[in-house]
């Protein structure tokens, strides 16, 4: 299984983007939700996929990208 996150707001991305609102907008404009993911949103999916509750899931990619792949 694979987990493919989209843009996630982390200390590193926050540092790299700084106050550059144009760069932030360019990134979020490519998602249907028009925002960065919070790390917890990605962690929750990863925890589920690693749990026994996902025992029947195999060989799939799970995009957690705010709708970026829907374009």
PDB file of N, CA and C in Angstrom:
ATOM      1  N   UNK A   1       0.843  -1.174   0.000  1.00  0.00           N
ATOM      2  CA  UNK A   1       0.000   0.000   0.000  1.00  0.00           C
ATOM      3  C   UNK A   1       0.883   1.230   0.000  1.00  0.00           C
ATOM      4  N   UNK A   2       0.333   2.276  -0.542  1.00  0.00           N
ATOM      5  CA  UNK A   2       1.053   3.551  -0.567  1.00  0.00           C
ATOM      6  C   UNK A   2       0.128   4.670  -0.126  1.00  0.00           C
ATOM      7  N   UNK A   3       0.680   5.602   0.583  1.00  0.00           N
ATOM      8  CA  UNK A   3      -0.020   6.799   1.011  1.00  0.00           C
ATOM      9  C   UNK A   3       0.646   7.969   0.305  1.00  0.00           C
ATOM     10  N   UNK A   4      -0.124   8.717  -0.474  1.00  0.00           N
ATOM     11  CA  UNK A   4       0.425   9.822  -1.260  1.00  0.00           C
ATOM     12  C   UNK A   4      -0.189  11.143  -0.811  1.00  0.00           C
ATOM     13  N   UNK A   5       0.479  11.812   0.122  1.00  0.00           N
ATOM     14  CA  UNK A   5      -0.071  13.082   0.590  1.00  0.00           C
ATOM     15  C   UNK A   5       0.167  14.207  -0.410  1.00  0.00           C
ATOM     16  N   UNK A   6      -0.728  15.162  -0.381  1.00  0.00           N
ATOM     17  CA  UNK A   6      -0.538  16.388  -1.138  1.00  0.00           C
ATOM     18  C   UNK A   6       0.205  17.386  -0.268  1.00  0.00           C
ATOM     19  N   UNK A   7      -0.039  18.661  -0.467  1.00  0.00           N
ATOM     20  CA  UNK A   7       0.673  19.671   0.321  1.00  0.00           C
ATOM     21  C   UNK A   7       0.248  19.629   1.786  1.00  0.00           C
ATOM     22  N   UNK A   8       1.242  19.545   2.653  1.00  0.00           N
ATOM     23  CA  UNK A   8       1.013  19.462   4.097  1.00  0.00           C
ATOM     24  C   UNK A   8       1.717  20.644   4.755  1.00  0.00           C
ATOM     25  N   UNK A   9       1.014  21.314   5.633  1.00  0.00           N
ATOM     26  CA  UNK A   9       1.596  22.446   6.345  1.00  0.00           C
ATOM     27  C   UNK A   9       2.399  21.923   7.529  1.00  0.00           C
ATOM     28  N   UNK A  10       3.698  21.960   7.377  1.00  0.00           N
ATOM     29  CA  UNK A  10       4.629  21.512   8.408  1.00  0.00           C
ATOM     30  C   UNK A  10       5.543  22.676   8.773  1.00  0.00           C
ATOM     31  N   UNK A  11       6.314  22.552   9.827  1.00  0.00           N
ATOM     32  CA  UNK A  11       7.271  23.622  10.120  1.00  0.00           C
ATOM     33  C   UNK A  11       8.222  23.888   8.943  1.00  0.00           C
ATOM     34  N   UNK A  12       8.618  22.836   8.236  1.00  0.00           N
ATOM     35  CA  UNK A  12       9.530  23.013   7.096  1.00  0.00           C
ATOM     36  C   UNK A  12       8.846  23.743   5.943  1.00  0.00           C
ATOM     37  N   UNK A  13       7.609  23.356   5.616  1.00  0.00           N
ATOM     38  CA  UNK A  13       6.927  24.051   4.513  1.00  0.00           C
ATOM     39  C   UNK A  13       6.601  25.485   4.912  1.00  0.00           C
ATOM     40  N   UNK A  14       6.255  25.683   6.153  1.00  0.00           N
ATOM     41  CA  UNK A  14       5.974  27.035   6.635  1.00  0.00           C
ATOM     42  C   UNK A  14       7.233  27.900   6.558  1.00  0.00           C
ATOM     43  N   UNK A  15       8.361  27.327   6.935  1.00  0.00           N
ATOM     44  CA  UNK A  15       9.639  28.047   6.858  1.00  0.00           C
ATOM     45  C   UNK A  15       9.995  28.375   5.411  1.00  0.00           C
ATOM     46  N   UNK A  16       9.850  27.389   4.532  1.00  0.00           N
ATOM     47  CA  UNK A  16      10.233  27.584   3.135  1.00  0.00           C
ATOM     48  C   UNK A  16       9.334  28.587   2.420  1.00  0.00           C
ATOM     49  N   UNK A  17       8.047  28.571   2.721  1.00  0.00           N
ATOM     50  CA  UNK A  17       7.114  29.480   2.060  1.00  0.00           C
ATOM     51  C   UNK A  17       7.076  30.852   2.719  1.00  0.00           C
ATOM     52  N   UNK A  18       7.373  30.900   4.012  1.00  0.00           N
ATOM     53  CA  UNK A  18       7.391  32.168   4.725  1.00  0.00           C
ATOM     54  C   UNK A  18       6.122  32.968   4.498  1.00  0.00           C
ATOM     55  N   UNK A  19       6.277  34.239   4.202  1.00  0.00           N
ATOM     56  CA  UNK A  19       5.144  35.132   3.969  1.00  0.00           C
ATOM     57  C   UNK A  19       4.759  35.224   2.493  1.00  0.00           C
ATOM     58  N   UNK A  20       5.277  34.319   1.669  1.00  0.00           N
ATOM     59  CA  UNK A  20       5.020  34.367   0.234  1.00  0.00           C
ATOM     60  C   UNK A  20       3.616  33.827  -0.061  1.00  0.00           C
ATOM     61  N   UNK A  21       2.636  34.708   0.026  1.00  0.00           N
ATOM     62  CA  UNK A  21       1.245  34.295  -0.175  1.00  0.00           C
ATOM     63  C   UNK A  21       0.997  33.815  -1.594  1.00  0.00           C
ATOM     64  N   UNK A  22       1.694  34.384  -2.559  1.00  0.00           N
ATOM     65  CA  UNK A  22       1.529  33.948  -3.952  1.00  0.00           C
ATOM     66  C   UNK A  22       1.946  32.489  -4.115  1.00  0.00           C
ATOM     67  N   UNK A  23       3.030  32.094  -3.471  1.00  0.00           N
ATOM     68  CA  UNK A  23       3.484  30.698  -3.545  1.00  0.00           C
ATOM     69  C   UNK A  23       2.488  29.774  -2.850  1.00  0.00           C
ATOM     70  N   UNK A  24       1.989  30.210  -1.699  1.00  0.00           N
ATOM     71  CA  UNK A  24       0.997  29.404  -0.982  1.00  0.00           C
ATOM     72  C   UNK A  24      -0.271  29.243  -1.831  1.00  0.00           C
ATOM     73  N   UNK A  25      -0.712  30.334  -2.445  1.00  0.00           N
ATOM     74  CA  UNK A  25      -1.906  30.277  -3.286  1.00  0.00           C
ATOM     75  C   UNK A  25      -1.696  29.394  -4.504  1.00  0.00           C
ATOM     76  N   UNK A  26      -0.499  29.431  -5.079  1.00  0.00           N
ATOM     77  CA  UNK A  26      -0.204  28.594  -6.246  1.00  0.00           C
ATOM     78  C   UNK A  26      -0.310  27.111  -5.888  1.00  0.00           C
ATOM     79  N   UNK A  27       0.122  26.777  -4.696  1.00  0.00           N
ATOM     80  CA  UNK A  27       0.058  25.381  -4.252  1.00  0.00           C
ATOM     81  C   UNK A  27      -1.380  24.976  -3.951  1.00  0.00           C
ATOM     82  N   UNK A  28      -2.074  25.772  -3.161  1.00  0.00           N
ATOM     83  CA  UNK A  28      -3.426  25.391  -2.753  1.00  0.00           C
ATOM     84  C   UNK A  28      -4.436  25.504  -3.889  1.00  0.00           C
ATOM     85  N   UNK A  29      -4.143  26.300  -4.900  1.00  0.00           N
ATOM     86  CA  UNK A  29      -5.070  26.402  -6.032  1.00  0.00           C
ATOM     87  C   UNK A  29      -5.158  25.102  -6.818  1.00  0.00           C
ATOM     88  N   UNK A  30      -4.210  24.210  -6.590  1.00  0.00           N
ATOM     89  CA  UNK A  30      -4.197  22.927  -7.293  1.00  0.00           C
ATOM     90  C   UNK A  30      -4.879  21.825  -6.500  1.00  0.00           C
ATOM     91  N   UNK A  31      -5.593  22.189  -5.438  1.00  0.00           N
ATOM     92  CA  UNK A  31      -6.377  21.217  -4.678  1.00  0.00           C
ATOM     93  C   UNK A  31      -7.832  21.673  -4.653  1.00  0.00           C
ATOM     94  N   UNK A  32      -8.738  20.732  -4.611  1.00  0.00           N
ATOM     95  CA  UNK A  32     -10.159  21.082  -4.543  1.00  0.00           C
ATOM     96  C   UNK A  32     -10.524  21.734  -3.217  1.00  0.00           C
ATOM     97  N   UNK A  33      -9.826  21.376  -2.146  1.00  0.00           N
ATOM     98  CA  UNK A  33     -10.132  21.936  -0.833  1.00  0.00           C
ATOM     99  C   UNK A  33      -9.496  23.303  -0.608  1.00  0.00           C
ATOM    100  N   UNK A  34      -8.591  23.696  -1.488  1.00  0.00           N
ATOM    101  CA  UNK A  34      -7.954  25.031  -1.445  1.00  0.00           C
ATOM    102  C   UNK A  34      -7.238  25.316  -0.133  1.00  0.00           C
ATOM    103  N   UNK A  35      -6.583  24.287   0.401  1.00  0.00           N
ATOM    104  CA  UNK A  35      -5.817  24.475   1.630  1.00  0.00           C
ATOM    105  C   UNK A  35      -4.763  23.392   1.755  1.00  0.00           C
ATOM    106  N   UNK A  36      -3.820  23.628   2.644  1.00  0.00           N
ATOM    107  CA  UNK A  36      -2.840  22.613   2.997  1.00  0.00           C
ATOM    108  C   UNK A  36      -3.483  21.628   3.971  1.00  0.00           C
ATOM    109  N   UNK A  37      -2.998  20.410   3.959  1.00  0.00           N
ATOM    110  CA  UNK A  37      -3.410  19.440   4.978  1.00  0.00           C
ATOM    111  C   UNK A  37      -2.692  19.762   6.279  1.00  0.00           C
ATOM    112  N   UNK A  38      -3.313  19.428   7.365  1.00  0.00           N
ATOM    113  CA  UNK A  38      -2.639  19.450   8.661  1.00  0.00           C
ATOM    114  C   UNK A  38      -1.964  18.089   8.829  1.00  0.00           C
ATOM    115  N   UNK A  39      -0.793  18.031   9.436  1.00  0.00           N
ATOM    116  CA  UNK A  39      -0.108  16.735   9.595  1.00  0.00           C
ATOM    117  C   UNK A  39      -0.996  15.659  10.210  1.00  0.00           C
ATOM    118  N   UNK A  40      -1.850  16.046  11.144  1.00  0.00           N
ATOM    119  CA  UNK A  40      -2.714  15.064  11.806  1.00  0.00           C
ATOM    120  C   UNK A  40      -3.647  14.365  10.816  1.00  0.00           C
ATOM    121  N   UNK A  41      -4.039  15.071   9.763  1.00  0.00           N
ATOM    122  CA  UNK A  41      -4.936  14.467   8.778  1.00  0.00           C
ATOM    123  C   UNK A  41      -4.240  13.338   8.019  1.00  0.00           C
ATOM    124  N   UNK A  42      -2.965  13.476   7.787  1.00  0.00           N
ATOM    125  CA  UNK A  42      -2.201  12.436   7.098  1.00  0.00           C
ATOM    126  C   UNK A  42      -1.896  11.293   8.064  1.00  0.00           C
ATOM    127  N   UNK A  43      -1.547  11.646   9.288  1.00  0.00           N
ATOM    128  CA  UNK A  43      -1.215  10.640  10.300  1.00  0.00           C
ATOM    129  C   UNK A  43      -2.403   9.726  10.574  1.00  0.00           C
ATOM    130  N   UNK A  44      -3.598  10.278  10.614  1.00  0.00           N
ATOM    131  CA  UNK A  44      -4.775   9.447  10.883  1.00  0.00           C
ATOM    132  C   UNK A  44      -4.974   8.386   9.810  1.00  0.00           C
ATOM    133  N   UNK A  45      -4.762   8.748   8.549  1.00  0.00           N
ATOM    134  CA  UNK A  45      -4.884   7.755   7.476  1.00  0.00           C
ATOM    135  C   UNK A  45      -3.764   6.729   7.574  1.00  0.00           C
ATOM    136  N   UNK A  46      -2.550   7.186   7.852  1.00  0.00           N
ATOM    137  CA  UNK A  46      -1.427   6.251   7.987  1.00  0.00           C
ATOM    138  C   UNK A  46      -1.667   5.272   9.134  1.00  0.00           C
ATOM    139  N   UNK A  47      -2.182   5.762  10.239  1.00  0.00           N
ATOM    140  CA  UNK A  47      -2.460   4.886  11.386  1.00  0.00           C
ATOM    141  C   UNK A  47      -3.532   3.860  11.029  1.00  0.00           C
ATOM    142  N   UNK A  48      -4.561   4.288  10.313  1.00  0.00           N
ATOM    143  CA  UNK A  48      -5.600   3.343   9.894  1.00  0.00           C
ATOM    144  C   UNK A  48      -5.013   2.278   8.972  1.00  0.00           C
ATOM    145  N   UNK A  49      -4.231   2.695   7.984  1.00  0.00           N
ATOM    146  CA  UNK A  49      -3.664   1.733   7.034  1.00  0.00           C
ATOM    147  C   UNK A  49      -2.713   0.755   7.712  1.00  0.00           C
ATOM    148  N   UNK A  50      -2.083   1.172   8.791  1.00  0.00           N
ATOM    149  CA  UNK A  50      -1.175   0.290   9.524  1.00  0.00           C
ATOM    150  C   UNK A  50      -1.900  -0.582  10.545  1.00  0.00           C
ATOM    151  N   UNK A  51      -3.172  -0.335  10.741  1.00  0.00           N
ATOM    152  CA  UNK A  51      -3.917  -1.060  11.775  1.00  0.00           C
ATOM    153  C   UNK A  51      -4.530  -2.355  11.240  1.00  0.00           C
ATOM    154  N   UNK A  52      -4.986  -3.160  12.161  1.00  0.00           N
ATOM    155  CA  UNK A  52      -5.684  -4.401  11.801  1.00  0.00           C
ATOM    156  C   UNK A  52      -6.991  -4.124  11.075  1.00  0.00           C
ATOM    157  N   UNK A  53      -7.549  -2.943  11.248  1.00  0.00           N
ATOM    158  CA  UNK A  53      -8.812  -2.603  10.579  1.00  0.00           C
ATOM    159  C   UNK A  53      -8.634  -2.521   9.059  1.00  0.00           C
ATOM    160  N   UNK A  54      -7.410  -2.377   8.596  1.00  0.00           N
ATOM    161  CA  UNK A  54      -7.143  -2.308   7.158  1.00  0.00           C
ATOM    162  C   UNK A  54      -6.561  -3.619   6.631  1.00  0.00           C
ATOM    163  N   UNK A  55      -6.763  -4.688   7.356  1.00  0.00           N
ATOM    164  CA  UNK A  55      -6.148  -5.975   7.015  1.00  0.00           C
ATOM    165  C   UNK A  55      -6.552  -6.503   5.639  1.00  0.00           C
ATOM    166  N   UNK A  56      -7.697  -6.113   5.144  1.00  0.00           N
ATOM    167  CA  UNK A  56      -8.170  -6.627   3.860  1.00  0.00           C
ATOM    168  C   UNK A  56      -7.749  -5.738   2.690  1.00  0.00           C
ATOM    169  N   UNK A  57      -7.115  -4.625   2.962  1.00  0.00           N
ATOM    170  CA  UNK A  57      -6.683  -3.702   1.909  1.00  0.00           C
ATOM    171  C   UNK A  57      -5.302  -4.111   1.414  1.00  0.00           C
ATOM    172  N   UNK A  58      -5.163  -4.176   0.107  1.00  0.00           N
ATOM    173  CA  UNK A  58      -3.870  -4.545  -0.473  1.00  0.00           C
ATOM    174  C   UNK A  58      -3.630  -3.765  -1.753  1.00  0.00           C
ATOM    175  N   UNK A  59      -2.379  -3.569  -2.069  1.00  0.00           N
ATOM    176  CA  UNK A  59      -1.942  -3.077  -3.367  1.00  0.00           C
ATOM    177  C   UNK A  59      -2.623  -1.832  -3.889  1.00  0.00           C
ATOM    178  N   UNK A  60      -2.879  -0.869  -3.054  1.00  0.00           N
ATOM    179  CA  UNK A  60      -3.563   0.332  -3.516  1.00  0.00           C
ATOM    180  C   UNK A  60      -2.802   1.574  -3.073  1.00  0.00           C
ATOM    181  N   UNK A  61      -3.012   2.636  -3.806  1.00  0.00           N
ATOM    182  CA  UNK A  61      -2.473   3.944  -3.447  1.00  0.00           C
ATOM    183  C   UNK A  61      -3.612   4.765  -2.861  1.00  0.00           C
ATOM    184  N   UNK A  62      -3.367   5.384  -1.746  1.00  0.00           N
ATOM    185  CA  UNK A  62      -4.367   6.211  -1.074  1.00  0.00           C
ATOM    186  C   UNK A  62      -3.915   7.667  -1.104  1.00  0.00           C
ATOM    187  N   UNK A  63      -4.414   8.437  -2.067  1.00  0.00           N
ATOM    188  CA  UNK A  63      -4.039   9.841  -2.111  1.00  0.00           C
ATOM    189  C   UNK A  63      -4.773  10.618  -1.024  1.00  0.00           C
ATOM    190  N   UNK A  64      -4.032  11.364  -0.268  1.00  0.00           N
ATOM    191  CA  UNK A  64      -4.603  12.272   0.738  1.00  0.00           C
ATOM    192  C   UNK A  64      -4.119  13.662   0.317  1.00  0.00           C
ATOM    193  N   UNK A  65      -4.721  14.132  -0.765  1.00  0.00           N
ATOM    194  CA  UNK A  65      -4.171  15.306  -1.445  1.00  0.00           C
ATOM    195  C   UNK A  65      -5.156  16.454  -1.595  1.00  0.00           C
ATOM    196  N   UNK A  66      -6.206  16.433  -0.820  1.00  0.00           N
ATOM    197  CA  UNK A  66      -7.171  17.534  -0.871  1.00  0.00           C
ATOM    198  C   UNK A  66      -7.884  17.676  -2.207  1.00  0.00           C
ATOM    199  N   UNK A  67      -7.858  16.617  -2.997  1.00  0.00           N
ATOM    200  CA  UNK A  67      -8.542  16.640  -4.287  1.00  0.00           C
ATOM    201  C   UNK A  67      -7.649  16.994  -5.461  1.00  0.00           C
ATOM    202  N   UNK A  68      -6.349  17.041  -5.265  1.00  0.00           N
ATOM    203  CA  UNK A  68      -5.443  17.405  -6.365  1.00  0.00           C
ATOM    204  C   UNK A  68      -5.524  16.410  -7.525  1.00  0.00           C
ATOM    205  N   UNK A  69      -5.692  15.129  -7.225  1.00  0.00           N
ATOM    206  CA  UNK A  69      -5.736  14.132  -8.293  1.00  0.00           C
ATOM    207  C   UNK A  69      -7.083  14.128  -9.018  1.00  0.00           C
ATOM    208  N   UNK A  70      -8.046  14.872  -8.493  1.00  0.00           N
ATOM    209  CA  UNK A  70      -9.376  14.936  -9.144  1.00  0.00           C
ATOM    210  C   UNK A  70      -9.370  15.850 -10.360  1.00  0.00           C
ATOM    211  N   UNK A  71      -8.361  16.685 -10.491  1.00  0.00           N
ATOM    212  CA  UNK A  71      -8.313  17.595 -11.645  1.00  0.00           C
ATOM    213  C   UNK A  71      -8.155  16.783 -12.868  1.00  0.00           C
TER     214      UNK A  71
END
